[in-house]
Amino acid sequence: MKTYEQLTYEQRCQIFALNKTGISQNKMAKQLSISQ
């Protein structure tokens, strides 16, 4: 069974910035090395 981890504040900030650029969730996850 998979275990899940909460995102750090830094990861959330990166996601926010990437989201503003219009990048896809899949590409964001790959860049941050996290699961989609």
PDB file of N, CA and C in Angstrom:
ATOM      1  N   MET A   1       0.840  -1.176   0.000  1.00  0.00           N
ATOM      2  CA  MET A   1       0.000   0.000   0.000  1.00  0.00           C
ATOM      3  C   MET A   1       0.890   1.246   0.000  1.00  0.00           C
ATOM      4  N   LYS A   2       0.511   2.239  -0.814  1.00  0.00           N
ATOM      5  CA  LYS A   2       1.279   3.477  -0.889  1.00  0.00           C
ATOM      6  C   LYS A   2       1.087   4.305   0.369  1.00  0.00           C
ATOM      7  N   THR A   3       2.158   4.981   0.758  1.00  0.00           N
ATOM      8  CA  THR A   3       2.036   5.963   1.823  1.00  0.00           C
ATOM      9  C   THR A   3       2.093   7.345   1.183  1.00  0.00           C
ATOM     10  N   TYR A   4       1.402   8.268   1.763  1.00  0.00           N
ATOM     11  CA  TYR A   4       1.335   9.611   1.212  1.00  0.00           C
ATOM     12  C   TYR A   4       1.996  10.590   2.160  1.00  0.00           C
ATOM     13  N   GLU A   5       2.633  11.597   1.589  1.00  0.00           N
ATOM     14  CA  GLU A   5       3.265  12.640   2.382  1.00  0.00           C
ATOM     15  C   GLU A   5       2.629  13.972   2.033  1.00  0.00           C
ATOM     16  N   GLN A   6       2.537  14.829   3.018  1.00  0.00           N
ATOM     17  CA  GLN A   6       2.023  16.169   2.755  1.00  0.00           C
ATOM     18  C   GLN A   6       3.094  16.983   2.046  1.00  0.00           C
ATOM     19  N   LEU A   7       2.644  17.935   1.262  1.00  0.00           N
ATOM     20  CA  LEU A   7       3.579  18.810   0.567  1.00  0.00           C
ATOM     21  C   LEU A   7       4.164  19.813   1.552  1.00  0.00           C
ATOM     22  N   THR A   8       5.420  20.178   1.309  1.00  0.00           N
ATOM     23  CA  THR A   8       6.041  21.205   2.137  1.00  0.00           C
ATOM     24  C   THR A   8       5.579  22.573   1.659  1.00  0.00           C
ATOM     25  N   TYR A   9       5.830  23.568   2.460  1.00  0.00           N
ATOM     26  CA  TYR A   9       5.484  24.938   2.078  1.00  0.00           C
ATOM     27  C   TYR A   9       6.213  25.326   0.793  1.00  0.00           C
ATOM     28  N   GLU A  10       7.478  24.928   0.683  1.00  0.00           N
ATOM     29  CA  GLU A  10       8.269  25.246  -0.501  1.00  0.00           C
ATOM     30  C   GLU A  10       7.678  24.597  -1.748  1.00  0.00           C
ATOM     31  N   GLN A  11       7.239  23.346  -1.629  1.00  0.00           N
ATOM     32  CA  GLN A  11       6.626  22.661  -2.764  1.00  0.00           C
ATOM     33  C   GLN A  11       5.329  23.350  -3.174  1.00  0.00           C
ATOM     34  N   ARG A  12       4.555  23.781  -2.200  1.00  0.00           N
ATOM     35  CA  ARG A  12       3.307  24.491  -2.508  1.00  0.00           C
ATOM     36  C   ARG A  12       3.588  25.798  -3.249  1.00  0.00           C
ATOM     37  N   CYS A  13       4.623  26.508  -2.828  1.00  0.00           N
ATOM     38  CA  CYS A  13       4.990  27.762  -3.501  1.00  0.00           C
ATOM     39  C   CYS A  13       5.432  27.491  -4.933  1.00  0.00           C
ATOM     40  N   GLN A  14       6.201  26.419  -5.138  1.00  0.00           N
ATOM     41  CA  GLN A  14       6.640  26.059  -6.484  1.00  0.00           C
ATOM     42  C   GLN A  14       5.447  25.702  -7.356  1.00  0.00           C
ATOM     43  N   ILE A  15       4.516  24.951  -6.814  1.00  0.00           N
ATOM     44  CA  ILE A  15       3.316  24.563  -7.566  1.00  0.00           C
ATOM     45  C   ILE A  15       2.515  25.809  -7.936  1.00  0.00           C
ATOM     46  N   PHE A  16       2.385  26.734  -7.007  1.00  0.00           N
ATOM     47  CA  PHE A  16       1.649  27.967  -7.276  1.00  0.00           C
ATOM     48  C   PHE A  16       2.292  28.729  -8.432  1.00  0.00           C
ATOM     49  N   ALA A  17       3.628  28.847  -8.398  1.00  0.00           N
ATOM     50  CA  ALA A  17       4.343  29.571  -9.451  1.00  0.00           C
ATOM     51  C   ALA A  17       4.215  28.853 -10.791  1.00  0.00           C
ATOM     52  N   LEU A  18       4.357  27.534 -10.793  1.00  0.00           N
ATOM     53  CA  LEU A  18       4.251  26.769 -12.035  1.00  0.00           C
ATOM     54  C   LEU A  18       2.836  26.823 -12.590  1.00  0.00           C
ATOM     55  N   ASN A  19       1.859  26.806 -11.715  1.00  0.00           N
ATOM     56  CA  ASN A  19       0.463  26.858 -12.141  1.00  0.00           C
ATOM     57  C   ASN A  19       0.165  28.169 -12.870  1.00  0.00           C
ATOM     58  N   LYS A  20       0.776  29.247 -12.417  1.00  0.00           N
ATOM     59  CA  LYS A  20       0.578  30.546 -13.063  1.00  0.00           C
ATOM     60  C   LYS A  20       1.132  30.553 -14.488  1.00  0.00           C
ATOM     61  N   THR A  21       2.135  29.713 -14.762  1.00  0.00           N
ATOM     62  CA  THR A  21       2.724  29.677 -16.102  1.00  0.00           C
ATOM     63  C   THR A  21       1.901  28.821 -17.050  1.00  0.00           C
ATOM     64  N   GLY A  22       0.934  28.072 -16.509  1.00  0.00           N
ATOM     65  CA  GLY A  22       0.068  27.250 -17.351  1.00  0.00           C
ATOM     66  C   GLY A  22       0.610  25.857 -17.610  1.00  0.00           C
ATOM     67  N   ILE A  23       1.639  25.456 -16.884  1.00  0.00           N
ATOM     68  CA  ILE A  23       2.230  24.124 -17.062  1.00  0.00           C
ATOM     69  C   ILE A  23       1.239  23.060 -16.578  1.00  0.00           C
ATOM     70  N   SER A  24       1.280  21.889 -17.185  1.00  0.00           N
ATOM     71  CA  SER A  24       0.345  20.822 -16.822  1.00  0.00           C
ATOM     72  C   SER A  24       0.709  20.214 -15.464  1.00  0.00           C
ATOM     73  N   GLN A  25      -0.272  19.584 -14.833  1.00  0.00           N
ATOM     74  CA  GLN A  25      -0.036  18.932 -13.540  1.00  0.00           C
ATOM     75  C   GLN A  25       1.005  17.832 -13.668  1.00  0.00           C
ATOM     76  N   ASN A  26       0.973  17.114 -14.784  1.00  0.00           N
ATOM     77  CA  ASN A  26       1.922  16.033 -15.001  1.00  0.00           C
ATOM     78  C   ASN A  26       3.353  16.571 -15.035  1.00  0.00           C
ATOM     79  N   LYS A  27       3.568  17.664 -15.751  1.00  0.00           N
ATOM     80  CA  LYS A  27       4.906  18.252 -15.834  1.00  0.00           C
ATOM     81  C   LYS A  27       5.338  18.832 -14.494  1.00  0.00           C
ATOM     82  N   MET A  28       4.392  19.420 -13.767  1.00  0.00           N
ATOM     83  CA  MET A  28       4.706  19.946 -12.436  1.00  0.00           C
ATOM     84  C   MET A  28       5.197  18.826 -11.524  1.00  0.00           C
ATOM     85  N   ALA A  29       4.471  17.720 -11.532  1.00  0.00           N
ATOM     86  CA  ALA A  29       4.825  16.586 -10.671  1.00  0.00           C
ATOM     87  C   ALA A  29       6.208  16.057 -11.022  1.00  0.00           C
ATOM     88  N   LYS A  30       6.509  15.980 -12.314  1.00  0.00           N
ATOM     89  CA  LYS A  30       7.829  15.500 -12.729  1.00  0.00           C
ATOM     90  C   LYS A  30       8.921  16.453 -12.276  1.00  0.00           C
ATOM     91  N   GLN A  31       8.695  17.756 -12.413  1.00  0.00           N
ATOM     92  CA  GLN A  31       9.692  18.744 -12.010  1.00  0.00           C
ATOM     93  C   GLN A  31       9.935  18.714 -10.507  1.00  0.00           C
ATOM     94  N   LEU A  32       8.888  18.462  -9.741  1.00  0.00           N
ATOM     95  CA  LEU A  32       9.008  18.452  -8.285  1.00  0.00           C
ATOM     96  C   LEU A  32       9.300  17.064  -7.725  1.00  0.00           C
ATOM     97  N   SER A  33       9.341  16.073  -8.602  1.00  0.00           N
ATOM     98  CA  SER A  33       9.579  14.676  -8.197  1.00  0.00           C
ATOM     99  C   SER A  33       8.553  14.210  -7.167  1.00  0.00           C
ATOM    100  N   ILE A  34       7.284  14.513  -7.448  1.00  0.00           N
ATOM    101  CA  ILE A  34       6.201  14.063  -6.581  1.00  0.00           C
ATOM    102  C   ILE A  34       5.145  13.373  -7.422  1.00  0.00           C
ATOM    103  N   SER A  35       4.259  12.663  -6.769  1.00  0.00           N
ATOM    104  CA  SER A  35       3.176  11.987  -7.471  1.00  0.00           C
ATOM    105  C   SER A  35       2.126  13.001  -7.873  1.00  0.00           C
ATOM    106  N   GLN A  36       1.493  12.732  -8.972  1.00  0.00           N
ATOM    107  CA  GLN A  36       0.452  13.617  -9.483  1.00  0.00           C
ATOM    108  C   GLN A  36      -0.718  13.502  -8.601  1.00  0.00           C
TER     109      GLN A  36
END
